[in-house]
Each structure stands twice: as C-alpha cells, then as structure tokens.
C-alpha cells in the first residue's frame, strides 16, 4: 500500500511526465512546421527564379519585335513613297 507521502510525489511525477510529453510533442510539431516552411520557401524561390527568367526572355522578345516593327515600318514608308512617285508621274 502507498503511504500518504508517496501519493503527492507520484502525482507530481505524473504531472511532470505529462508536461514533458506535451513539450516533446510541441517541439516535434514545430520542427515539422519549420521543415514545411523551409520547403515552401525553396519552392517559392524556385518559382521566383523561373518567373525572372521568363520575364527576361519576354523582355528580349518584346525588344526584338519593336525593332522588327520599326524595320517593317521603314520599308512600308519607302514602298509608299515609291507608289506615290508612280502616281505623280
């Protein structure tokens, strides 16, 4: 049989064990959350890099198209000038 002095010690020990188990569970949960957050950060960085590459490629394409448009415009103006000369003759 338990003596009266052992009961409070046993309750205190049980309480301490419960607190330690909750602390361990909390730490494990926080570690899992941290790992998930780090994976999310890596995925976001990768997506950001992909987006930057796409933006750079599209910017180059836009500049190329602008230059091509200017060339086409110049050639059309030249052709219109020749047509105007034919009509004036």
Protein backbone atom coordinates (compact mmCIF):
# COMPACT_ATOMS: atom_id res chain seq x y z
CA UNK A 1 0.00 0.00 0.00
CA UNK A 2 1.06 3.51 -0.72
CA UNK A 3 1.93 5.69 2.16
CA UNK A 4 0.50 9.19 2.33
CA UNK A 5 3.88 10.71 1.49
CA UNK A 6 4.21 8.76 -1.77
CA UNK A 7 0.89 9.88 -3.31
CA UNK A 8 1.82 13.58 -3.79
CA UNK A 9 5.24 12.61 -5.16
CA UNK A 10 3.61 10.22 -7.61
CA UNK A 11 1.11 12.87 -8.70
CA UNK A 12 3.89 15.42 -9.11
CA UNK A 13 5.92 12.93 -11.13
CA UNK A 14 2.92 12.10 -13.33
CA UNK A 15 2.26 15.79 -13.84
CA UNK A 16 5.90 16.34 -14.78
CA UNK A 17 5.81 13.40 -17.21
CA UNK A 18 2.69 14.83 -18.86
CA UNK A 19 4.29 18.24 -19.22
CA UNK A 20 7.44 16.71 -20.70
CA UNK A 21 5.40 14.65 -23.16
CA UNK A 22 3.45 17.75 -24.22
CA UNK A 23 6.71 19.68 -24.62
CA UNK A 24 8.21 16.89 -26.76
CA UNK A 25 5.06 16.78 -28.92
CA UNK A 26 5.18 20.56 -29.28
CA UNK A 27 8.85 20.53 -30.31
CA UNK A 28 8.19 17.77 -32.85
CA UNK A 29 5.25 19.72 -34.27
CA UNK A 30 7.32 22.89 -34.51
CA UNK A 31 10.12 21.01 -36.26
CA UNK A 32 7.63 19.65 -38.80
CA UNK A 33 6.20 23.13 -39.36
CA UNK A 34 9.71 24.52 -39.79
CA UNK A 35 10.57 21.82 -42.35
CA UNK A 36 7.35 22.51 -44.26
CA UNK A 37 8.06 26.25 -44.20
CA UNK A 38 11.61 25.71 -45.48
CA UNK A 39 10.30 23.54 -48.33
CA UNK A 40 7.75 26.22 -49.17
CA UNK A 41 10.47 28.86 -49.18
CA UNK A 42 12.60 26.74 -51.54
CA UNK A 43 9.62 26.23 -53.86
CA UNK A 44 8.86 29.96 -53.80
CA UNK A 45 12.48 30.84 -54.58
CA UNK A 46 12.48 28.40 -57.46
CA UNK A 47 9.22 29.82 -58.80
CA UNK A 48 10.61 33.34 -58.44
CA UNK A 49 13.74 32.41 -60.39
CA UNK A 50 11.61 30.82 -63.12
CA UNK A 51 9.47 33.96 -63.27
CA UNK A 52 12.52 36.19 -63.53
CA UNK A 53 13.89 34.07 -66.37
CA UNK A 54 10.55 34.23 -68.16
CA UNK A 55 10.38 38.00 -67.70
CA UNK A 56 13.90 38.41 -69.08
CA UNK A 57 13.10 36.21 -72.09
CA UNK A 58 9.84 38.02 -72.79
CA UNK A 59 11.51 41.42 -72.42
CA UNK A 60 14.10 40.42 -75.02
CA UNK A 61 11.33 39.18 -77.30
CA UNK A 62 9.41 42.46 -76.94
CA UNK A 63 12.52 44.47 -77.79
CA UNK A 64 13.17 42.27 -80.79
CA UNK A 65 9.60 42.74 -82.00
CA UNK A 66 9.83 46.52 -81.54
CA UNK A 67 13.00 46.61 -83.63
CA UNK A 68 11.35 44.43 -86.28
CA UNK A 69 8.28 46.68 -86.29
CA UNK A 70 10.48 49.72 -86.89
CA UNK A 71 12.17 47.96 -89.82
CA UNK A 72 8.84 46.96 -91.33
CA UNK A 73 7.50 50.47 -90.85
CA UNK A 74 10.54 51.95 -92.60
CA UNK A 75 10.21 49.53 -95.50
CA UNK A 76 6.48 50.26 -95.85
CA UNK A 77 7.09 54.01 -95.82
CA UNK A 78 9.69 53.52 -98.52
CA UNK A 79 7.26 51.43 -100.63
CA UNK A 80 4.50 54.01 -100.15
CA UNK A 81 6.95 56.67 -101.28
CA UNK A 82 7.66 54.69 -104.46
CA UNK A 83 3.92 54.23 -105.09
CA UNK A 84 3.38 57.98 -104.60
CA UNK A 85 6.15 58.65 -107.18
CA UNK A 86 4.38 56.36 -109.66
CA UNK A 87 1.09 58.18 -109.14
CA UNK A 88 2.73 61.59 -109.54
CA UNK A 89 4.35 60.63 -112.85
